[in-house]
């Protein structure tokens, strides 16, 4: 809607300023047009983020880096427009502050979720370096590493319970692996 009103600004002004249709109360002031221009600029960034997460290539590991980029955009936009030196209007700044507050609530939930941290560490592009490069606390990085080690241990134990490795039937440098019969899995043998 904002984009359409801005695209047809001239027609909108002529239509609302025409006394014969009685819509003068809907005419926008110069300040309101400025707010709409500012809003369009901010909404384009959120549209880009929405399209990114709508693609098939978006992964769990990309959530935190994307949130970091949106957070940086909001923090910068509160002080200065991304496209120039002029600052945004007061209503847009208030909306940006509120958006940043809301994003930080979601970021905290993602940050405290084991699955996001583990996915971030296991991602070939991010790994532990992402945490270090983005100023995560040393204790948080250590906790994330410990969680990964713990989860890996759980999966290894589960794997060891259902798989036997036969070193004697080595094929091309790889030992044979076969499933443990179900009755032995549950008998503790």
N, C-alpha and C. Protein backbone atom coordinates (compact mmCIF):
# COMPACT_ATOMS: atom_id res chain seq x y z
N UNK A 1 0.81 -1.19 0.00
CA UNK A 1 0.00 0.00 0.00
C UNK A 1 0.86 1.26 0.00
N UNK A 2 1.89 1.28 0.87
CA UNK A 2 2.78 2.43 0.94
C UNK A 2 3.44 2.68 -0.41
N UNK A 3 3.89 1.60 -1.04
CA UNK A 3 4.58 1.73 -2.32
C UNK A 3 3.64 2.29 -3.40
N UNK A 4 2.40 1.84 -3.37
CA UNK A 4 1.43 2.31 -4.38
C UNK A 4 1.10 3.78 -4.17
N UNK A 5 0.90 4.19 -2.92
CA UNK A 5 0.58 5.59 -2.64
C UNK A 5 1.73 6.48 -3.08
N UNK A 6 2.96 6.04 -2.79
CA UNK A 6 4.12 6.84 -3.20
C UNK A 6 4.29 6.86 -4.72
N UNK A 7 4.00 5.75 -5.35
CA UNK A 7 4.12 5.69 -6.81
C UNK A 7 3.13 6.64 -7.49
N UNK A 8 1.93 6.71 -6.93
CA UNK A 8 0.89 7.56 -7.52
C UNK A 8 0.63 8.80 -6.67
N UNK A 9 1.70 9.35 -6.12
CA UNK A 9 1.61 10.51 -5.23
C UNK A 9 0.86 11.68 -5.88
N UNK A 10 1.22 11.99 -7.10
CA UNK A 10 0.60 13.13 -7.78
C UNK A 10 -0.92 12.93 -7.92
N UNK A 11 -1.29 11.73 -8.37
CA UNK A 11 -2.71 11.43 -8.53
C UNK A 11 -3.44 11.44 -7.19
N UNK A 12 -2.80 10.94 -6.15
CA UNK A 12 -3.41 10.92 -4.82
C UNK A 12 -3.64 12.34 -4.33
N UNK A 13 -2.64 13.20 -4.52
CA UNK A 13 -2.77 14.60 -4.09
C UNK A 13 -3.92 15.29 -4.84
N UNK A 14 -3.97 15.10 -6.14
CA UNK A 14 -5.04 15.73 -6.92
C UNK A 14 -6.41 15.22 -6.50
N UNK A 15 -6.50 13.93 -6.25
CA UNK A 15 -7.78 13.32 -5.87
C UNK A 15 -8.25 13.81 -4.51
N UNK A 16 -7.33 13.85 -3.52
CA UNK A 16 -7.74 14.26 -2.17
C UNK A 16 -7.89 15.77 -2.03
N UNK A 17 -7.26 16.54 -2.89
CA UNK A 17 -7.41 18.00 -2.82
C UNK A 17 -8.61 18.51 -3.59
N UNK A 18 -9.24 17.68 -4.37
CA UNK A 18 -10.41 18.08 -5.15
C UNK A 18 -11.60 18.25 -4.20
N UNK A 19 -12.14 19.47 -4.14
CA UNK A 19 -13.24 19.77 -3.22
C UNK A 19 -14.53 19.06 -3.59
N UNK A 20 -14.69 18.67 -4.83
CA UNK A 20 -15.94 18.07 -5.28
C UNK A 20 -16.16 16.66 -4.70
N UNK A 21 -15.12 15.96 -4.29
CA UNK A 21 -15.34 14.61 -3.77
C UNK A 21 -15.32 14.54 -2.23
N UNK A 22 -15.00 15.64 -1.55
CA UNK A 22 -15.08 15.70 -0.08
C UNK A 22 -14.02 14.87 0.64
N UNK A 23 -12.88 14.65 0.03
CA UNK A 23 -11.83 13.83 0.65
C UNK A 23 -10.65 14.65 1.15
N UNK A 24 -10.83 15.96 1.35
CA UNK A 24 -9.72 16.81 1.77
C UNK A 24 -9.13 16.37 3.11
N UNK A 25 -9.93 15.79 3.96
CA UNK A 25 -9.43 15.38 5.28
C UNK A 25 -8.42 14.22 5.16
N UNK A 26 -8.41 13.57 3.99
CA UNK A 26 -7.47 12.46 3.76
C UNK A 26 -6.19 12.90 3.05
N UNK A 27 -6.09 14.18 2.76
CA UNK A 27 -4.89 14.69 2.11
C UNK A 27 -3.72 14.61 3.09
N UNK A 28 -2.56 14.21 2.59
CA UNK A 28 -1.38 14.07 3.44
C UNK A 28 -0.57 15.35 3.45
N UNK A 29 -0.01 15.65 4.62
CA UNK A 29 0.86 16.83 4.75
C UNK A 29 2.25 16.46 4.23
N UNK A 30 3.09 17.48 4.09
CA UNK A 30 4.48 17.25 3.65
C UNK A 30 5.20 16.33 4.64
N UNK A 31 4.95 16.50 5.93
CA UNK A 31 5.59 15.66 6.95
C UNK A 31 5.13 14.20 6.82
N UNK A 32 3.84 14.00 6.52
CA UNK A 32 3.33 12.63 6.35
C UNK A 32 3.92 11.97 5.11
N UNK A 33 4.14 12.74 4.06
CA UNK A 33 4.79 12.19 2.86
C UNK A 33 6.23 11.77 3.19
N UNK A 34 6.89 12.55 4.01
CA UNK A 34 8.26 12.22 4.43
C UNK A 34 8.28 10.92 5.23
N UNK A 35 7.31 10.76 6.12
CA UNK A 35 7.22 9.52 6.90
C UNK A 35 7.00 8.33 5.97
N UNK A 36 6.15 8.49 4.97
CA UNK A 36 5.91 7.39 4.02
C UNK A 36 7.17 7.05 3.23
N UNK A 37 7.92 8.08 2.82
CA UNK A 37 9.18 7.83 2.12
C UNK A 37 10.15 7.06 3.00
N UNK A 38 10.25 7.48 4.26
CA UNK A 38 11.13 6.80 5.22
C UNK A 38 10.68 5.35 5.44
N UNK A 39 9.39 5.18 5.57
CA UNK A 39 8.84 3.84 5.80
C UNK A 39 9.14 2.91 4.64
N UNK A 40 9.02 3.43 3.42
CA UNK A 40 9.33 2.61 2.25
C UNK A 40 10.78 2.13 2.29
N UNK A 41 11.68 3.00 2.65
CA UNK A 41 13.10 2.64 2.69
C UNK A 41 13.36 1.52 3.70
N UNK A 42 12.75 1.62 4.86
CA UNK A 42 12.93 0.59 5.90
C UNK A 42 12.24 -0.72 5.49
N UNK A 43 11.04 -0.62 4.96
CA UNK A 43 10.30 -1.83 4.59
C UNK A 43 11.02 -2.63 3.50
N UNK A 44 11.77 -1.97 2.65
CA UNK A 44 12.53 -2.69 1.62
C UNK A 44 13.53 -3.64 2.26
N UNK A 45 14.16 -3.22 3.34
CA UNK A 45 15.12 -4.08 4.04
C UNK A 45 14.42 -5.30 4.64
N UNK A 46 13.26 -5.10 5.23
CA UNK A 46 12.53 -6.22 5.80
C UNK A 46 11.98 -7.14 4.71
N UNK A 47 11.65 -6.57 3.57
CA UNK A 47 11.22 -7.40 2.44
C UNK A 47 12.36 -8.31 2.00
N UNK A 48 13.57 -7.76 1.92
CA UNK A 48 14.73 -8.56 1.54
C UNK A 48 14.95 -9.71 2.53
N UNK A 49 14.82 -9.43 3.82
CA UNK A 49 14.99 -10.47 4.84
C UNK A 49 13.90 -11.54 4.70
N UNK A 50 12.68 -11.11 4.46
CA UNK A 50 11.57 -12.06 4.29
C UNK A 50 11.81 -12.96 3.08
N UNK A 51 12.24 -12.36 1.99
CA UNK A 51 12.52 -13.15 0.78
C UNK A 51 13.68 -14.12 1.01
N UNK A 52 14.68 -13.70 1.78
CA UNK A 52 15.81 -14.58 2.09
C UNK A 52 15.32 -15.82 2.83
N UNK A 53 14.48 -15.63 3.85
CA UNK A 53 14.02 -16.78 4.63
C UNK A 53 12.95 -17.59 3.91
N UNK A 54 12.41 -17.06 2.84
CA UNK A 54 11.41 -17.80 2.05
C UNK A 54 12.05 -18.72 1.02
N UNK A 55 13.34 -18.57 0.79
CA UNK A 55 14.03 -19.39 -0.20
C UNK A 55 14.30 -20.78 0.35
N UNK A 56 14.53 -21.71 -0.56
CA UNK A 56 14.87 -23.07 -0.17
C UNK A 56 16.24 -23.16 0.47
N UNK A 57 17.11 -22.21 0.17
CA UNK A 57 18.48 -22.27 0.66
C UNK A 57 18.65 -21.73 2.08
N UNK A 58 17.62 -21.14 2.67
CA UNK A 58 17.72 -20.65 4.04
C UNK A 58 17.82 -21.84 4.99
N UNK A 59 18.76 -21.74 5.93
CA UNK A 59 18.98 -22.84 6.87
C UNK A 59 18.85 -22.35 8.30
N UNK A 60 18.79 -23.29 9.20
CA UNK A 60 18.74 -22.96 10.62
C UNK A 60 19.98 -22.18 11.03
N UNK A 61 21.12 -22.56 10.49
CA UNK A 61 22.38 -21.89 10.83
C UNK A 61 22.41 -20.45 10.33
N UNK A 62 21.60 -20.09 9.36
CA UNK A 62 21.63 -18.73 8.83
C UNK A 62 20.73 -17.78 9.61
N UNK A 63 19.97 -18.28 10.58
CA UNK A 63 19.05 -17.43 11.34
C UNK A 63 19.81 -16.38 12.15
N UNK A 64 20.78 -16.81 12.95
CA UNK A 64 21.49 -15.87 13.81
C UNK A 64 22.29 -14.85 12.99
N UNK A 65 23.05 -15.26 11.96
CA UNK A 65 23.72 -14.23 11.15
C UNK A 65 22.75 -13.24 10.49
N UNK A 66 21.60 -13.73 10.04
CA UNK A 66 20.61 -12.82 9.44
C UNK A 66 20.07 -11.85 10.49
N UNK A 67 19.82 -12.37 11.70
CA UNK A 67 19.35 -11.50 12.78
C UNK A 67 20.42 -10.47 13.14
N UNK A 68 21.68 -10.87 13.09
CA UNK A 68 22.77 -9.92 13.35
C UNK A 68 22.77 -8.80 12.32
N UNK A 69 22.55 -9.14 11.04
CA UNK A 69 22.52 -8.12 9.99
C UNK A 69 21.34 -7.17 10.16
N UNK A 70 20.17 -7.72 10.50
CA UNK A 70 18.99 -6.88 10.70
C UNK A 70 19.20 -5.97 11.92
N UNK A 71 19.79 -6.51 12.98
CA UNK A 71 20.07 -5.72 14.18
C UNK A 71 21.01 -4.57 13.85
N UNK A 72 22.06 -4.85 13.08
CA UNK A 72 23.00 -3.80 12.70
C UNK A 72 22.30 -2.74 11.83
N UNK A 73 21.44 -3.18 10.93
CA UNK A 73 20.69 -2.24 10.09
C UNK A 73 19.82 -1.33 10.95
N UNK A 74 19.10 -1.91 11.91
CA UNK A 74 18.22 -1.12 12.77
C UNK A 74 19.03 -0.15 13.63
N UNK A 75 20.12 -0.62 14.20
CA UNK A 75 20.94 0.24 15.04
C UNK A 75 21.50 1.42 14.24
N UNK A 76 21.94 1.16 13.04
CA UNK A 76 22.48 2.22 12.19
C UNK A 76 21.38 3.16 11.74
N UNK A 77 20.25 2.60 11.36
CA UNK A 77 19.15 3.42 10.83
C UNK A 77 18.57 4.36 11.88
N UNK A 78 18.66 3.99 13.15
CA UNK A 78 18.16 4.87 14.20
C UNK A 78 18.99 6.16 14.23
N UNK A 79 20.27 6.02 13.94
CA UNK A 79 21.16 7.18 13.97
C UNK A 79 21.26 7.90 12.63
N UNK A 80 21.22 7.13 11.54
CA UNK A 80 21.43 7.72 10.21
C UNK A 80 20.82 6.81 9.15
N UNK A 81 20.30 7.38 8.11
CA UNK A 81 19.74 6.60 7.00
C UNK A 81 20.84 5.80 6.32
N UNK A 82 20.54 4.58 5.91
CA UNK A 82 21.55 3.82 5.17
C UNK A 82 21.92 4.48 3.84
N UNK A 83 21.00 5.25 3.26
CA UNK A 83 21.25 5.81 1.93
C UNK A 83 21.84 7.22 1.95
N UNK A 84 22.05 7.78 3.11
CA UNK A 84 22.59 9.15 3.13
C UNK A 84 22.82 9.67 4.52
N UNK A 85 23.09 10.95 4.62
CA UNK A 85 23.42 11.56 5.91
C UNK A 85 22.19 11.99 6.70
N UNK A 86 21.09 12.21 6.03
CA UNK A 86 19.87 12.67 6.69
C UNK A 86 19.33 11.57 7.61
N UNK A 87 18.78 11.97 8.73
CA UNK A 87 18.21 10.98 9.65
C UNK A 87 16.74 10.76 9.30
N UNK A 88 16.20 9.68 9.83
CA UNK A 88 14.79 9.38 9.61
C UNK A 88 13.93 10.29 10.47
N UNK A 89 12.66 10.39 10.11
CA UNK A 89 11.71 11.19 10.87
C UNK A 89 11.46 10.54 12.24
N UNK A 90 10.95 11.35 13.18
CA UNK A 90 10.73 10.88 14.55
C UNK A 90 9.83 9.64 14.63
N UNK A 91 8.70 9.57 13.89
CA UNK A 91 7.87 8.36 13.98
C UNK A 91 8.60 7.10 13.49
N UNK A 92 9.44 7.25 12.49
CA UNK A 92 10.18 6.11 11.97
C UNK A 92 11.24 5.69 12.97
N UNK A 93 11.92 6.65 13.60
CA UNK A 93 12.90 6.32 14.63
C UNK A 93 12.26 5.56 15.79
N UNK A 94 11.07 5.98 16.18
CA UNK A 94 10.35 5.29 17.26
C UNK A 94 10.02 3.86 16.84
N UNK A 95 9.58 3.69 15.61
CA UNK A 95 9.27 2.35 15.11
C UNK A 95 10.53 1.49 15.02
N UNK A 96 11.65 2.10 14.62
CA UNK A 96 12.92 1.36 14.55
C UNK A 96 13.36 0.90 15.93
N UNK A 97 13.23 1.76 16.92
CA UNK A 97 13.59 1.38 18.29
C UNK A 97 12.73 0.22 18.78
N UNK A 98 11.44 0.30 18.49
CA UNK A 98 10.52 -0.78 18.90
C UNK A 98 10.87 -2.07 18.16
N UNK A 99 11.19 -1.96 16.89
CA UNK A 99 11.57 -3.14 16.10
C UNK A 99 12.85 -3.77 16.65
N UNK A 100 13.81 -2.94 17.02
CA UNK A 100 15.06 -3.44 17.58
C UNK A 100 14.81 -4.16 18.90
N UNK A 101 13.94 -3.61 19.71
CA UNK A 101 13.58 -4.24 20.98
C UNK A 101 12.95 -5.62 20.75
N UNK A 102 12.03 -5.69 19.80
CA UNK A 102 11.37 -6.96 19.48
C UNK A 102 12.37 -7.97 18.91
N UNK A 103 13.23 -7.52 18.00
CA UNK A 103 14.24 -8.40 17.43
C UNK A 103 15.17 -8.95 18.52
N UNK A 104 15.55 -8.10 19.47
CA UNK A 104 16.42 -8.55 20.55
C UNK A 104 15.76 -9.62 21.42
N UNK A 105 14.45 -9.54 21.60
CA UNK A 105 13.74 -10.60 22.34
C UNK A 105 13.86 -11.93 21.61
N UNK A 106 13.64 -11.92 20.29
CA UNK A 106 13.75 -13.14 19.49
C UNK A 106 15.20 -13.63 19.43
N UNK A 107 16.13 -12.69 19.35
CA UNK A 107 17.55 -13.06 19.31
C UNK A 107 17.93 -13.77 20.60
N UNK A 108 17.45 -13.28 21.73
CA UNK A 108 17.75 -13.92 23.01
C UNK A 108 17.21 -15.34 23.04
N UNK A 109 16.02 -15.54 22.49
CA UNK A 109 15.46 -16.89 22.45
C UNK A 109 16.30 -17.81 21.57
N UNK A 110 16.73 -17.31 20.43
CA UNK A 110 17.57 -18.11 19.53
C UNK A 110 18.93 -18.35 20.16
N UNK A 111 19.47 -17.33 20.81
CA UNK A 111 20.79 -17.43 21.44
C UNK A 111 20.80 -18.51 22.52
N UNK A 112 19.70 -18.62 23.25
CA UNK A 112 19.63 -19.60 24.34
C UNK A 112 19.13 -20.97 23.88
N UNK A 113 18.91 -21.11 22.60
CA UNK A 113 18.49 -22.40 22.06
C UNK A 113 19.70 -23.20 21.62
N UNK A 114 19.83 -24.36 22.15
CA UNK A 114 20.97 -25.24 21.84
C UNK A 114 21.07 -25.53 20.34
N UNK A 115 19.96 -25.74 19.71
CA UNK A 115 19.95 -26.16 18.31
C UNK A 115 20.54 -25.08 17.40
N UNK A 116 20.24 -23.81 17.67
CA UNK A 116 20.79 -22.73 16.83
C UNK A 116 22.31 -22.65 16.99
N UNK A 117 22.78 -22.74 18.23
CA UNK A 117 24.23 -22.64 18.45
C UNK A 117 24.96 -23.81 17.81
N UNK A 118 24.42 -25.01 17.95
CA UNK A 118 25.06 -26.18 17.37
C UNK A 118 25.04 -26.10 15.84
N UNK A 119 23.91 -25.69 15.27
CA UNK A 119 23.82 -25.55 13.81
C UNK A 119 24.82 -24.52 13.30
N UNK A 120 24.99 -23.45 14.05
CA UNK A 120 25.94 -22.40 13.66
C UNK A 120 27.38 -22.93 13.68
N UNK A 121 27.72 -23.70 14.71
CA UNK A 121 29.08 -24.25 14.83
C UNK A 121 29.34 -25.29 13.74
N UNK A 122 28.35 -26.10 13.43
CA UNK A 122 28.54 -27.17 12.44
C UNK A 122 28.51 -26.66 11.00
N UNK A 123 27.98 -25.45 10.80
CA UNK A 123 27.88 -24.92 9.44
C UNK A 123 29.29 -24.65 8.89
N UNK A 124 29.60 -25.16 7.69
CA UNK A 124 30.95 -25.01 7.14
C UNK A 124 31.40 -23.56 6.96
N UNK A 125 30.46 -22.67 6.77
CA UNK A 125 30.81 -21.28 6.54
C UNK A 125 31.04 -20.50 7.84
N UNK A 126 30.33 -20.86 8.91
CA UNK A 126 30.37 -20.07 10.14
C UNK A 126 31.34 -20.62 11.19
N UNK A 127 31.07 -21.82 11.66
CA UNK A 127 31.90 -22.49 12.66
C UNK A 127 32.08 -21.63 13.92
N UNK A 128 33.05 -22.00 14.73
CA UNK A 128 33.34 -21.27 15.97
C UNK A 128 33.80 -19.85 15.64
N UNK A 129 34.46 -19.69 14.51
CA UNK A 129 34.96 -18.37 14.13
C UNK A 129 33.87 -17.31 14.08
N UNK A 130 32.65 -17.70 13.70
CA UNK A 130 31.56 -16.73 13.65
C UNK A 130 31.28 -16.18 15.05
N UNK A 131 31.28 -17.08 16.02
CA UNK A 131 31.01 -16.66 17.40
C UNK A 131 32.11 -15.71 17.89
N UNK A 132 33.34 -16.06 17.58
CA UNK A 132 34.47 -15.23 18.01
C UNK A 132 34.48 -13.88 17.28
N UNK A 133 34.22 -13.90 15.99
CA UNK A 133 34.23 -12.67 15.19
C UNK A 133 33.10 -11.72 15.55
N UNK A 134 32.03 -12.25 16.13
CA UNK A 134 30.88 -11.42 16.48
C UNK A 134 30.78 -11.17 17.98
N UNK A 135 31.92 -11.25 18.62
CA UNK A 135 32.06 -10.83 20.02
C UNK A 135 31.16 -11.57 21.01
N UNK A 136 31.00 -12.86 20.80
CA UNK A 136 30.30 -13.65 21.80
C UNK A 136 31.20 -13.75 23.02
N UNK A 137 30.61 -13.83 24.18
CA UNK A 137 31.37 -13.97 25.41
C UNK A 137 32.12 -15.30 25.39
N UNK A 138 33.30 -15.32 25.99
CA UNK A 138 34.13 -16.52 26.03
C UNK A 138 33.38 -17.68 26.69
N UNK A 139 32.64 -17.37 27.76
CA UNK A 139 31.88 -18.42 28.45
C UNK A 139 30.77 -18.99 27.56
N UNK A 140 30.16 -18.14 26.74
CA UNK A 140 29.11 -18.61 25.83
C UNK A 140 29.69 -19.50 24.73
N UNK A 141 30.87 -19.15 24.23
CA UNK A 141 31.53 -19.96 23.21
C UNK A 141 31.91 -21.31 23.82
N UNK A 142 32.44 -21.28 25.03
CA UNK A 142 32.82 -22.52 25.72
C UNK A 142 31.59 -23.39 25.96
N UNK A 143 30.49 -22.78 26.38
CA UNK A 143 29.25 -23.54 26.61
C UNK A 143 28.74 -24.16 25.31
N UNK A 144 28.83 -23.42 24.21
CA UNK A 144 28.38 -23.94 22.92
C UNK A 144 29.23 -25.14 22.50
N UNK A 145 30.54 -25.05 22.70
CA UNK A 145 31.42 -26.18 22.38
C UNK A 145 31.08 -27.40 23.24
N UNK A 146 30.83 -27.16 24.52
CA UNK A 146 30.47 -28.26 25.43
C UNK A 146 29.15 -28.90 25.02
N UNK A 147 28.19 -28.09 24.61
CA UNK A 147 26.91 -28.64 24.14
C UNK A 147 27.09 -29.51 22.91
N UNK A 148 27.92 -29.05 21.99
CA UNK A 148 28.17 -29.83 20.78
C UNK A 148 28.82 -31.16 21.15
N UNK A 149 29.80 -31.11 22.05
CA UNK A 149 30.47 -32.34 22.50
C UNK A 149 29.47 -33.28 23.17
N UNK A 150 28.59 -32.72 23.99
CA UNK A 150 27.59 -33.54 24.69
C UNK A 150 26.63 -34.20 23.70
N UNK A 151 26.12 -33.42 22.75
CA UNK A 151 25.18 -33.96 21.76
C UNK A 151 25.88 -35.00 20.89
N UNK A 152 27.12 -34.73 20.49
CA UNK A 152 27.88 -35.71 19.71
C UNK A 152 28.03 -37.01 20.50
N UNK A 153 28.31 -36.91 21.80
CA UNK A 153 28.42 -38.10 22.65
C UNK A 153 27.13 -38.90 22.70
N UNK A 154 26.00 -38.20 22.78
CA UNK A 154 24.70 -38.90 22.79
C UNK A 154 24.47 -39.67 21.50
N UNK A 155 24.77 -39.03 20.37
CA UNK A 155 24.59 -39.69 19.08
C UNK A 155 25.58 -40.83 18.89
N UNK A 156 26.79 -40.66 19.40
CA UNK A 156 27.79 -41.72 19.30
C UNK A 156 27.37 -42.93 20.12
N UNK A 157 26.87 -42.68 21.32
CA UNK A 157 26.40 -43.78 22.17
C UNK A 157 25.23 -44.50 21.50
N UNK A 158 24.30 -43.74 20.91
CA UNK A 158 23.15 -44.35 20.23
C UNK A 158 23.62 -45.15 19.02
N UNK A 159 24.59 -44.62 18.29
CA UNK A 159 25.15 -45.31 17.12
C UNK A 159 25.83 -46.61 17.56
N UNK A 160 26.64 -46.52 18.61
CA UNK A 160 27.36 -47.71 19.10
C UNK A 160 26.39 -48.80 19.57
N UNK A 161 25.20 -48.39 20.02
CA UNK A 161 24.23 -49.37 20.51
C UNK A 161 23.57 -50.15 19.38
N UNK A 162 23.55 -49.61 18.18
CA UNK A 162 22.84 -50.27 17.09
C UNK A 162 23.74 -50.74 15.95
N UNK A 163 25.04 -50.46 16.02
CA UNK A 163 25.94 -50.80 14.93
C UNK A 163 27.15 -51.56 15.47
N UNK A 164 27.53 -52.60 14.74
CA UNK A 164 28.75 -53.34 15.04
C UNK A 164 29.77 -53.06 13.94
N UNK A 165 31.01 -52.86 14.33
CA UNK A 165 32.08 -52.66 13.36
C UNK A 165 32.90 -53.93 13.32
N UNK A 166 33.03 -54.49 12.13
CA UNK A 166 33.81 -55.73 11.95
C UNK A 166 35.12 -55.36 11.27
N UNK A 167 36.17 -55.21 12.09
CA UNK A 167 37.49 -54.82 11.58
C UNK A 167 38.10 -55.89 10.68
N UNK A 168 37.67 -57.16 10.88
CA UNK A 168 38.27 -58.26 10.12
C UNK A 168 37.86 -58.26 8.65
N UNK A 169 36.69 -57.73 8.33
CA UNK A 169 36.26 -57.73 6.92
C UNK A 169 36.48 -56.34 6.34
N UNK A 170 37.73 -55.97 6.23
CA UNK A 170 38.15 -54.67 5.73
C UNK A 170 38.07 -54.65 4.20
N UNK A 171 37.27 -53.72 3.65
CA UNK A 171 37.14 -53.58 2.20
C UNK A 171 37.64 -52.19 1.83
N UNK A 172 38.70 -52.16 1.04
CA UNK A 172 39.30 -50.90 0.58
C UNK A 172 39.59 -49.94 1.74
N UNK A 173 40.13 -50.46 2.81
CA UNK A 173 40.51 -49.62 3.94
C UNK A 173 39.37 -49.25 4.86
N UNK A 174 38.17 -49.73 4.60
CA UNK A 174 37.01 -49.41 5.43
C UNK A 174 36.48 -50.68 6.09
N UNK A 175 36.34 -50.70 7.42
CA UNK A 175 35.78 -51.88 8.06
C UNK A 175 34.29 -52.02 7.74
N UNK A 176 33.80 -53.24 7.79
CA UNK A 176 32.37 -53.49 7.54
C UNK A 176 31.56 -53.05 8.75
N UNK A 177 30.40 -52.53 8.49
CA UNK A 177 29.50 -52.08 9.54
C UNK A 177 28.17 -52.77 9.33
N UNK A 178 27.61 -53.35 10.40
CA UNK A 178 26.27 -53.95 10.29
C UNK A 178 25.47 -53.61 11.53
N UNK A 179 24.16 -53.62 11.33
CA UNK A 179 23.25 -53.30 12.42
C UNK A 179 23.22 -54.44 13.43
N UNK A 180 23.16 -54.08 14.71
CA UNK A 180 23.01 -55.06 15.77
C UNK A 180 21.57 -55.54 15.73
N UNK A 181 21.31 -56.85 15.83
CA UNK A 181 19.93 -57.34 15.84
C UNK A 181 19.14 -56.66 16.97
N UNK A 182 17.89 -56.38 16.68
CA UNK A 182 17.04 -55.63 17.62
C UNK A 182 16.98 -56.31 18.98
N UNK A 183 16.88 -57.65 19.01
CA UNK A 183 16.78 -58.32 20.32
C UNK A 183 18.03 -58.10 21.15
N UNK A 184 19.20 -57.92 20.53
CA UNK A 184 20.45 -57.65 21.28
C UNK A 184 20.52 -56.17 21.68
N UNK A 185 19.89 -55.31 20.92
CA UNK A 185 19.92 -53.90 21.27
C UNK A 185 19.23 -53.67 22.60
N UNK A 186 18.13 -54.38 22.83
CA UNK A 186 17.33 -54.14 24.03
C UNK A 186 17.68 -55.08 25.17
N UNK A 187 18.49 -56.08 24.91
CA UNK A 187 18.84 -57.03 25.99
C UNK A 187 20.04 -56.54 26.79
N UNK A 188 20.74 -55.53 26.28
CA UNK A 188 21.90 -55.03 26.98
C UNK A 188 23.14 -55.88 26.72
N UNK A 189 23.08 -56.83 25.77
CA UNK A 189 24.21 -57.71 25.45
C UNK A 189 25.07 -57.07 24.42
